[in-house]
Full PDB file with SEQRES, HELIX, SHEET, SSBOND, CRYST1, ORIGX, SCALE, CONECT and MASTER records, all heavy atoms in Angstrom:
SEQRES   1 A   31  LYS ILE GLY LYS GLN LYS ARG PHE GLY ARG SER SER GLU          
SEQRES   2 A   31  LYS MET VAL TYR ASP GLU GLN MET GLU LEU CYS PHE ASN          
SEQRES   3 A   31  GLU ALA GLU VAL THR                                          
HELIX    1 AA1 ILE A    2  PHE A    8  1                                   7    
HELIX    2 AA2 ASN A   26  ALA A   28  5                                   3    
CRYST1    1.000    1.000    1.000  90.00  90.00  90.00 P 1           1          
ORIGX1      1.000000  0.000000  0.000000        0.00000                         
ORIGX2      0.000000  1.000000  0.000000        0.00000                         
ORIGX3      0.000000  0.000000  1.000000        0.00000                         
SCALE1      1.000000  0.000000  0.000000        0.00000                         
SCALE2      0.000000  1.000000  0.000000        0.00000                         
SCALE3      0.000000  0.000000  1.000000        0.00000                         
ATOM      1  N   LYS A   1     -40.342  15.263 -20.467  1.00  0.00           N  
ATOM      2  CA  LYS A   1     -39.956  16.171 -19.389  1.00  0.00           C  
ATOM      3  C   LYS A   1     -40.182  17.625 -19.785  1.00  0.00           C  
ATOM      4  O   LYS A   1     -40.681  18.429 -18.994  1.00  0.00           O  
ATOM      5  CB  LYS A   1     -38.487  15.952 -19.023  1.00  0.00           C  
ATOM      6  CG  LYS A   1     -38.208  14.674 -18.250  1.00  0.00           C  
ATOM      7  CD  LYS A   1     -36.728  14.582 -17.904  1.00  0.00           C  
ATOM      8  CE  LYS A   1     -36.427  13.339 -17.074  1.00  0.00           C  
ATOM      9  NZ  LYS A   1     -34.986  13.234 -16.754  1.00  0.00           N  
ATOM     10  N   ILE A   2     -39.797  17.944 -21.025  1.00  0.00           N  
ATOM     11  CA  ILE A   2     -39.976  19.320 -21.490  1.00  0.00           C  
ATOM     12  C   ILE A   2     -41.459  19.663 -21.581  1.00  0.00           C  
ATOM     13  O   ILE A   2     -41.894  20.762 -21.206  1.00  0.00           O  
ATOM     14  CB  ILE A   2     -39.282  19.513 -22.856  1.00  0.00           C  
ATOM     15  CG1 ILE A   2     -37.767  19.443 -22.677  1.00  0.00           C  
ATOM     16  CG2 ILE A   2     -39.683  20.840 -23.496  1.00  0.00           C  
ATOM     17  CD1 ILE A   2     -36.997  19.435 -23.981  1.00  0.00           C  
ATOM     18  N   GLY A   3     -42.275  18.696 -22.069  1.00  0.00           N  
ATOM     19  CA  GLY A   3     -43.722  18.929 -22.136  1.00  0.00           C  
ATOM     20  C   GLY A   3     -44.327  19.166 -20.768  1.00  0.00           C  
ATOM     21  O   GLY A   3     -45.149  20.061 -20.583  1.00  0.00           O  
ATOM     22  N   LYS A   4     -43.920  18.373 -19.788  1.00  0.00           N  
ATOM     23  CA  LYS A   4     -44.429  18.556 -18.421  1.00  0.00           C  
ATOM     24  C   LYS A   4     -43.989  19.893 -17.851  1.00  0.00           C  
ATOM     25  O   LYS A   4     -44.753  20.591 -17.181  1.00  0.00           O  
ATOM     26  CB  LYS A   4     -43.926  17.419 -17.527  1.00  0.00           C  
ATOM     27  CG  LYS A   4     -44.639  16.094 -17.723  1.00  0.00           C  
ATOM     28  CD  LYS A   4     -44.136  15.051 -16.719  1.00  0.00           C  
ATOM     29  CE  LYS A   4     -44.902  13.748 -16.862  1.00  0.00           C  
ATOM     30  NZ  LYS A   4     -44.415  12.718 -15.915  1.00  0.00           N  
ATOM     31  N   GLN A   5     -42.724  20.244 -18.128  1.00  0.00           N  
ATOM     32  CA  GLN A   5     -42.223  21.504 -17.591  1.00  0.00           C  
ATOM     33  C   GLN A   5     -42.975  22.688 -18.172  1.00  0.00           C  
ATOM     34  O   GLN A   5     -43.337  23.628 -17.468  1.00  0.00           O  
ATOM     35  CB  GLN A   5     -40.727  21.617 -17.898  1.00  0.00           C  
ATOM     36  CG  GLN A   5     -39.987  22.651 -17.053  1.00  0.00           C  
ATOM     37  CD  GLN A   5     -40.255  24.064 -17.497  1.00  0.00           C  
ATOM     38  OE1 GLN A   5     -40.442  24.326 -18.682  1.00  0.00           O  
ATOM     39  NE2 GLN A   5     -40.313  24.984 -16.555  1.00  0.00           N  
ATOM     40  N   LYS A   6     -43.251  22.622 -19.492  1.00  0.00           N  
ATOM     41  CA  LYS A   6     -43.966  23.733 -20.134  1.00  0.00           C  
ATOM     42  C   LYS A   6     -45.393  23.837 -19.623  1.00  0.00           C  
ATOM     43  O   LYS A   6     -45.948  24.925 -19.522  1.00  0.00           O  
ATOM     44  CB  LYS A   6     -43.966  23.548 -21.653  1.00  0.00           C  
ATOM     45  CG  LYS A   6     -42.619  23.826 -22.301  1.00  0.00           C  
ATOM     46  CD  LYS A   6     -42.696  23.705 -23.809  1.00  0.00           C  
ATOM     47  CE  LYS A   6     -41.375  24.078 -24.468  1.00  0.00           C  
ATOM     48  NZ  LYS A   6     -41.417  23.946 -25.931  1.00  0.00           N  
ATOM     49  N   ARG A   7     -45.980  22.689 -19.287  1.00  0.00           N  
ATOM     50  CA  ARG A   7     -47.371  22.706 -18.845  1.00  0.00           C  
ATOM     51  C   ARG A   7     -47.504  23.057 -17.367  1.00  0.00           C  
ATOM     52  O   ARG A   7     -48.390  23.810 -16.974  1.00  0.00           O  
ATOM     53  CB  ARG A   7     -48.006  21.352 -19.107  1.00  0.00           C  
ATOM     54  CG  ARG A   7     -49.493  21.315 -18.779  1.00  0.00           C  
ATOM     55  CD  ARG A   7     -50.132  20.005 -19.173  1.00  0.00           C  
ATOM     56  NE  ARG A   7     -51.563  20.010 -18.891  1.00  0.00           N  
ATOM     57  CZ  ARG A   7     -52.349  18.958 -19.049  1.00  0.00           C  
ATOM     58  NH1 ARG A   7     -51.852  17.816 -19.502  1.00  0.00           N  
ATOM     59  NH2 ARG A   7     -53.634  19.042 -18.782  1.00  0.00           N  
ATOM     60  N   PHE A   8     -46.607  22.491 -16.544  1.00  0.00           N  
ATOM     61  CA  PHE A   8     -46.762  22.638 -15.102  1.00  0.00           C  
ATOM     62  C   PHE A   8     -45.660  23.473 -14.444  1.00  0.00           C  
ATOM     63  O   PHE A   8     -45.812  23.911 -13.314  1.00  0.00           O  
ATOM     64  CB  PHE A   8     -46.787  21.259 -14.431  1.00  0.00           C  
ATOM     65  CG  PHE A   8     -47.865  20.357 -14.946  1.00  0.00           C  
ATOM     66  CD1 PHE A   8     -47.561  19.241 -15.697  1.00  0.00           C  
ATOM     67  CD2 PHE A   8     -49.205  20.637 -14.695  1.00  0.00           C  
ATOM     68  CE1 PHE A   8     -48.559  18.389 -16.173  1.00  0.00           C  
ATOM     69  CE2 PHE A   8     -50.208  19.806 -15.171  1.00  0.00           C  
ATOM     70  CZ  PHE A   8     -49.886  18.678 -15.911  1.00  0.00           C  
ATOM     71  N   GLY A   9     -44.538  23.676 -15.142  1.00  0.00           N  
ATOM     72  CA  GLY A   9     -43.423  24.381 -14.534  1.00  0.00           C  
ATOM     73  C   GLY A   9     -43.522  25.871 -14.712  1.00  0.00           C  
ATOM     74  O   GLY A   9     -44.478  26.401 -15.266  1.00  0.00           O  
ATOM     75  N   ARG A  10     -42.483  26.549 -14.290  1.00  0.00           N  
ATOM     76  CA  ARG A  10     -42.448  28.013 -14.432  1.00  0.00           C  
ATOM     77  C   ARG A  10     -42.225  28.366 -15.891  1.00  0.00           C  
ATOM     78  O   ARG A  10     -41.490  27.687 -16.616  1.00  0.00           O  
ATOM     79  CB  ARG A  10     -41.335  28.604 -13.562  1.00  0.00           C  
ATOM     80  CG  ARG A  10     -39.959  28.029 -13.842  1.00  0.00           C  
ATOM     81  CD  ARG A  10     -38.946  28.530 -12.800  1.00  0.00           C  
ATOM     82  NE  ARG A  10     -37.697  27.810 -12.925  1.00  0.00           N  
ATOM     83  CZ  ARG A  10     -36.731  28.129 -13.765  1.00  0.00           C  
ATOM     84  NH1 ARG A  10     -36.891  29.153 -14.576  1.00  0.00           N  
ATOM     85  NH2 ARG A  10     -35.625  27.437 -13.826  1.00  0.00           N  
ATOM     86  N   SER A  11     -42.851  29.420 -16.320  1.00  0.00           N  
ATOM     87  CA  SER A  11     -42.733  29.820 -17.724  1.00  0.00           C  
ATOM     88  C   SER A  11     -41.515  30.695 -17.953  1.00  0.00           C  
ATOM     89  O   SER A  11     -41.035  30.818 -19.077  1.00  0.00           O  
ATOM     90  CB  SER A  11     -43.991  30.562 -18.178  1.00  0.00           C  
ATOM     91  OG  SER A  11     -44.198  31.707 -17.383  1.00  0.00           O  
ATOM     92  N   SER A  12     -41.013  31.321 -16.892  1.00  0.00           N  
ATOM     93  CA  SER A  12     -39.859  32.192 -17.048  1.00  0.00           C  
ATOM     94  C   SER A  12     -38.646  31.385 -17.474  1.00  0.00           C  
ATOM     95  O   SER A  12     -38.442  30.257 -17.045  1.00  0.00           O  
ATOM     96  CB  SER A  12     -39.557  32.908 -15.723  1.00  0.00           C  
ATOM     97  OG  SER A  12     -38.324  33.598 -15.807  1.00  0.00           O  
ATOM     98  N   GLU A  13     -37.818  31.999 -18.334  1.00  0.00           N  
ATOM     99  CA  GLU A  13     -36.586  31.343 -18.756  1.00  0.00           C  
ATOM    100  C   GLU A  13     -35.421  31.734 -17.869  1.00  0.00           C  
ATOM    101  O   GLU A  13     -34.288  31.340 -18.102  1.00  0.00           O  
ATOM    102  CB  GLU A  13     -36.275  31.704 -20.204  1.00  0.00           C  
ATOM    103  CG  GLU A  13     -37.301  31.162 -21.180  1.00  0.00           C  
ATOM    104  CD  GLU A  13     -36.956  31.493 -22.617  1.00  0.00           C  
ATOM    105  OE1 GLU A  13     -35.946  32.174 -22.834  1.00  0.00           O  
ATOM    106  OE2 GLU A  13     -37.695  31.068 -23.506  1.00  0.00           O  
ATOM    107  N   LYS A  14     -35.672  32.491 -16.829  1.00  0.00           N  
ATOM    108  CA  LYS A  14     -34.612  32.924 -15.940  1.00  0.00           C  
ATOM    109  C   LYS A  14     -34.208  31.780 -15.027  1.00  0.00           C  
ATOM    110  O   LYS A  14     -35.035  31.119 -14.417  1.00  0.00           O  
ATOM    111  CB  LYS A  14     -35.098  34.107 -15.097  1.00  0.00           C  
ATOM    112  CG  LYS A  14     -34.069  34.607 -14.106  1.00  0.00           C  
ATOM    113  CD  LYS A  14     -34.611  35.783 -13.339  1.00  0.00           C  
ATOM    114  CE  LYS A  14     -35.793  35.398 -12.487  1.00  0.00           C  
ATOM    115  NZ  LYS A  14     -36.277  36.526 -11.687  1.00  0.00           N  
ATOM    116  N   MET A  15     -32.921  31.535 -14.896  1.00  0.00           N  
ATOM    117  CA  MET A  15     -32.420  30.492 -14.013  1.00  0.00           C  
ATOM    118  C   MET A  15     -31.323  31.080 -13.156  1.00  0.00           C  
ATOM    119  O   MET A  15     -30.390  31.700 -13.660  1.00  0.00           O  
ATOM    120  CB  MET A  15     -31.889  29.300 -14.801  1.00  0.00           C  
ATOM    121  CG  MET A  15     -32.994  28.488 -15.436  1.00  0.00           C  
ATOM    122  SD  MET A  15     -32.377  27.451 -16.727  1.00  0.00           S  
ATOM    123  CE  MET A  15     -32.112  28.650 -18.008  1.00  0.00           C  
ATOM    124  N   VAL A  16     -31.429  30.899 -11.861  1.00  0.00           N  
ATOM    125  CA  VAL A  16     -30.473  31.483 -10.936  1.00  0.00           C  
ATOM    126  C   VAL A  16     -29.592  30.378 -10.373  1.00  0.00           C  
ATOM    127  O   VAL A  16     -30.070  29.352  -9.921  1.00  0.00           O  
ATOM    128  CB  VAL A  16     -31.197  32.212  -9.789  1.00  0.00           C  
ATOM    129  CG1 VAL A  16     -30.196  32.838  -8.848  1.00  0.00           C  
ATOM    130  CG2 VAL A  16     -32.121  33.276 -10.362  1.00  0.00           C  
ATOM    131  N   TYR A  17     -28.281  30.606 -10.381  1.00  0.00           N  
ATOM    132  CA  TYR A  17     -27.340  29.651  -9.829  1.00  0.00           C  
ATOM    133  C   TYR A  17     -26.509  30.339  -8.755  1.00  0.00           C  
ATOM    134  O   TYR A  17     -26.217  31.529  -8.835  1.00  0.00           O  
ATOM    135  CB  TYR A  17     -26.433  29.075 -10.917  1.00  0.00           C  
ATOM    136  CG  TYR A  17     -27.215  28.340 -11.965  1.00  0.00           C  
ATOM    137  CD1 TYR A  17     -27.498  28.924 -13.192  1.00  0.00           C  
ATOM    138  CD2 TYR A  17     -27.727  27.087 -11.698  1.00  0.00           C  
ATOM    139  CE1 TYR A  17     -28.246  28.252 -14.135  1.00  0.00           C  
ATOM    140  CE2 TYR A  17     -28.474  26.412 -12.641  1.00  0.00           C  
ATOM    141  CZ  TYR A  17     -28.727  26.991 -13.854  1.00  0.00           C  
ATOM    142  OH  TYR A  17     -29.476  26.343 -14.787  1.00  0.00           O  
ATOM    143  N   ASP A  18     -26.099  29.586  -7.765  1.00  0.00           N  
ATOM    144  CA  ASP A  18     -25.431  30.162  -6.614  1.00  0.00           C  
ATOM    145  C   ASP A  18     -24.054  30.725  -6.968  1.00  0.00           C  
ATOM    146  O   ASP A  18     -23.704  31.818  -6.579  1.00  0.00           O  
ATOM    147  CB  ASP A  18     -25.278  29.115  -5.518  1.00  0.00           C  
ATOM    148  CG  ASP A  18     -26.633  28.688  -4.979  1.00  0.00           C  
ATOM    149  OD1 ASP A  18     -27.556  29.507  -5.050  1.00  0.00           O  
ATOM    150  OD2 ASP A  18     -26.751  27.548  -4.509  1.00  0.00           O  
ATOM    151  N   GLU A  19     -23.248  29.924  -7.667  1.00  0.00           N  
ATOM    152  CA  GLU A  19     -21.894  30.357  -7.982  1.00  0.00           C  
ATOM    153  C   GLU A  19     -21.847  31.013  -9.346  1.00  0.00           C  
ATOM    154  O   GLU A  19     -22.744  30.864 -10.154  1.00  0.00           O  
ATOM    155  CB  GLU A  19     -20.923  29.170  -7.953  1.00  0.00           C  
ATOM    156  CG  GLU A  19     -21.111  28.182  -9.101  1.00  0.00           C  
ATOM    157  CD  GLU A  19     -22.345  27.325  -8.939  1.00  0.00           C  
ATOM    158  OE1 GLU A  19     -22.905  27.276  -7.842  1.00  0.00           O  
ATOM    159  OE2 GLU A  19     -22.744  26.721  -9.925  1.00  0.00           O  
ATOM    160  N   GLN A  20     -20.767  31.760  -9.562  1.00  0.00           N  
ATOM    161  CA  GLN A  20     -20.641  32.419 -10.857  1.00  0.00           C  
ATOM    162  C   GLN A  20     -20.445  31.400 -11.955  1.00  0.00           C  
ATOM    163  O   GLN A  20     -19.840  30.351 -11.760  1.00  0.00           O  
ATOM    164  CB  GLN A  20     -19.441  33.365 -10.836  1.00  0.00           C  
ATOM    165  CG  GLN A  20     -19.766  34.708 -10.189  1.00  0.00           C  
ATOM    166  CD  GLN A  20     -18.831  35.761 -10.713  1.00  0.00           C  
ATOM    167  OE1 GLN A  20     -17.743  35.465 -11.153  1.00  0.00           O  
ATOM    168  NE2 GLN A  20     -19.256  36.997 -10.679  1.00  0.00           N  
ATOM    169  N   MET A  21     -20.982  31.721 -13.134  1.00  0.00           N  
ATOM    170  CA  MET A  21     -20.789  30.840 -14.270  1.00  0.00           C  
ATOM    171  C   MET A  21     -19.338  30.913 -14.736  1.00  0.00           C  
ATOM    172  O   MET A  21     -18.754  31.991 -14.787  1.00  0.00           O  
ATOM    173  CB  MET A  21     -21.708  31.249 -15.422  1.00  0.00           C  
ATOM    174  CG  MET A  21     -23.150  30.968 -15.140  1.00  0.00           C  
ATOM    175  SD  MET A  21     -24.158  31.424 -16.539  1.00  0.00           S  
ATOM    176  CE  MET A  21     -25.691  30.679 -16.053  1.00  0.00           C  
ATOM    177  N   GLU A  22     -18.776  29.776 -15.048  1.00  0.00           N  
ATOM    178  CA  GLU A  22     -17.411  29.750 -15.546  1.00  0.00           C  
ATOM    179  C   GLU A  22     -17.418  29.856 -17.062  1.00  0.00           C  
ATOM    180  O   GLU A  22     -18.348  29.444 -17.738  1.00  0.00           O  
ATOM    181  CB  GLU A  22     -16.728  28.456 -15.115  1.00  0.00           C  
ATOM    182  CG  GLU A  22     -17.476  27.206 -15.565  1.00  0.00           C  
ATOM    183  CD  GLU A  22     -16.935  25.971 -14.904  1.00  0.00           C  
ATOM    184  OE1 GLU A  22     -15.933  26.083 -14.200  1.00  0.00           O  
ATOM    185  OE2 GLU A  22     -17.520  24.904 -15.109  1.00  0.00           O  
ATOM    186  N   LEU A  23     -16.359  30.411 -17.604  1.00  0.00           N  
ATOM    187  CA  LEU A  23     -16.276  30.588 -19.049  1.00  0.00           C  
ATOM    188  C   LEU A  23     -16.015  29.263 -19.742  1.00  0.00           C  
ATOM    189  O   LEU A  23     -15.358  28.386 -19.203  1.00  0.00           O  
ATOM    190  CB  LEU A  23     -15.146  31.567 -19.388  1.00  0.00           C  
ATOM    191  CG  LEU A  23     -15.372  32.996 -18.886  1.00  0.00           C  
ATOM    192  CD1 LEU A  23     -14.149  33.814 -19.171  1.00  0.00           C  
ATOM    193  CD2 LEU A  23     -16.591  33.595 -19.538  1.00  0.00           C  
ATOM    194  N   CYS A  24     -16.544  29.123 -20.940  1.00  0.00           N  
ATOM    195  CA  CYS A  24     -16.428  27.868 -21.681  1.00  0.00           C  
ATOM    196  C   CYS A  24     -15.417  27.948 -22.811  1.00  0.00           C  
ATOM    197  O   CYS A  24     -15.172  26.966 -23.484  1.00  0.00           O  
ATOM    198  CB  CYS A  24     -17.784  27.497 -22.260  1.00  0.00           C  
ATOM    199  SG  CYS A  24     -18.962  27.057 -21.013  1.00  0.00           S  
ATOM    200  N   PHE A  25     -14.853  29.128 -23.044  1.00  0.00           N  
ATOM    201  CA  PHE A  25     -13.965  29.221 -24.195  1.00  0.00           C  
ATOM    202  C   PHE A  25     -12.927  30.290 -23.927  1.00  0.00           C  
ATOM    203  O   PHE A  25     -13.159  31.246 -23.197  1.00  0.00           O  
ATOM    204  CB  PHE A  25     -14.767  29.547 -25.462  1.00  0.00           C  
ATOM    205  CG  PHE A  25     -15.820  30.578 -25.246  1.00  0.00           C  
ATOM    206  CD1 PHE A  25     -15.543  31.908 -25.436  1.00  0.00           C  
ATOM    207  CD2 PHE A  25     -17.088  30.211 -24.829  1.00  0.00           C  
ATOM    208  CE1 PHE A  25     -16.515  32.854 -25.223  1.00  0.00           C  
ATOM    209  CE2 PHE A  25     -18.054  31.157 -24.615  1.00  0.00           C  
ATOM    210  CZ  PHE A  25     -17.773  32.479 -24.812  1.00  0.00           C  
ATOM    211  N   ASN A  26     -11.756  30.121 -24.500  1.00  0.00           N  
ATOM    212  CA  ASN A  26     -10.646  31.029 -24.238  1.00  0.00           C  
ATOM    213  C   ASN A  26     -10.927  32.440 -24.727  1.00  0.00           C  
ATOM    214  O   ASN A  26     -10.469  33.410 -24.148  1.00  0.00           O  
ATOM    215  CB  ASN A  26      -9.371  30.511 -24.907  1.00  0.00           C  
ATOM    216  CG  ASN A  26      -8.903  29.217 -24.272  1.00  0.00           C  
ATOM    217  OD1 ASN A  26      -9.163  28.982 -23.102  1.00  0.00           O  
ATOM    218  ND2 ASN A  26      -8.230  28.378 -25.050  1.00  0.00           N  
ATOM    219  N   GLU A  27     -11.686  32.536 -25.841  1.00  0.00           N  
ATOM    220  CA  GLU A  27     -11.923  33.866 -26.412  1.00  0.00           C  
ATOM    221  C   GLU A  27     -12.711  34.766 -25.479  1.00  0.00           C  
ATOM    222  O   GLU A  27     -12.811  35.956 -25.706  1.00  0.00           O  
ATOM    223  CB  GLU A  27     -12.675  33.733 -27.739  1.00  0.00           C  
ATOM    224  CG  GLU A  27     -11.866  33.149 -28.864  1.00  0.00           C  
ATOM    225  CD  GLU A  27     -11.901  31.625 -28.848  1.00  0.00           C  
ATOM    226  OE1 GLU A  27     -12.359  31.044 -27.844  1.00  0.00           O  
ATOM    227  OE2 GLU A  27     -11.491  31.031 -29.836  1.00  0.00           O  
ATOM    228  N   ALA A  28     -13.309  34.216 -24.426  1.00  0.00           N  
ATOM    229  CA  ALA A  28     -14.089  35.036 -23.509  1.00  0.00           C  
ATOM    230  C   ALA A  28     -13.214  35.996 -22.724  1.00  0.00           C  
ATOM    231  O   ALA A  28     -13.697  36.977 -22.167  1.00  0.00           O  
ATOM    232  CB  ALA A  28     -14.853  34.153 -22.528  1.00  0.00           C  
ATOM    233  N   GLU A  29     -11.895  35.731 -22.671  1.00  0.00           N  
ATOM    234  CA  GLU A  29     -11.014  36.567 -21.876  1.00  0.00           C  
ATOM    235  C   GLU A  29     -10.638  37.811 -22.656  1.00  0.00           C  
ATOM    236  O   GLU A  29      -9.486  38.055 -23.008  1.00  0.00           O  
ATOM    237  CB  GLU A  29      -9.790  35.774 -21.453  1.00  0.00           C  
ATOM    238  CG  GLU A  29     -10.166  34.584 -20.569  1.00  0.00           C  
ATOM    239  CD  GLU A  29      -8.972  33.746 -20.207  1.00  0.00           C  
ATOM    240  OE1 GLU A  29      -7.859  34.085 -20.674  1.00  0.00           O  
ATOM    241  OE2 GLU A  29      -9.138  32.789 -19.477  1.00  0.00           O  
ATOM    242  N   VAL A  30     -11.663  38.587 -22.954  1.00  0.00           N  
ATOM    243  CA  VAL A  30     -11.468  39.834 -23.681  1.00  0.00           C  
ATOM    244  C   VAL A  30     -11.302  40.947 -22.669  1.00  0.00           C  
ATOM    245  O   VAL A  30     -12.030  41.010 -21.685  1.00  0.00           O  
ATOM    246  CB  VAL A  30     -12.687  40.127 -24.582  1.00  0.00           C  
ATOM    247  CG1 VAL A  30     -12.476  41.422 -25.336  1.00  0.00           C  
ATOM    248  CG2 VAL A  30     -12.887  38.979 -25.558  1.00  0.00           C  
ATOM    249  N   THR A  31     -10.362  41.830 -22.883  1.00  0.00           N  
ATOM    250  CA  THR A  31     -10.149  42.910 -21.931  1.00  0.00           C  
ATOM    251  C   THR A  31     -10.753  44.192 -22.441  1.00  0.00           C  
ATOM    252  O   THR A  31     -10.766  44.477 -23.635  1.00  0.00           O  
ATOM    253  CB  THR A  31      -8.649  43.128 -21.675  1.00  0.00           C  
ATOM    254  OG1 THR A  31      -8.017  43.412 -22.908  1.00  0.00           O  
ATOM    255  CG2 THR A  31      -8.042  41.883 -21.044  1.00  0.00           C  
TER     256      THR A  31                                                      
MASTER        0    0    0    2    0    0    0    6  255    1    0    3          
END                                                                             
């Protein structure tokens, strides 16, 4: 799948998602 994506897919590493990303760890709550 990765080989096909690199050959035929978009080369950009940018990925857009509709909703905001949620934090994965407590330490992210830095003020």
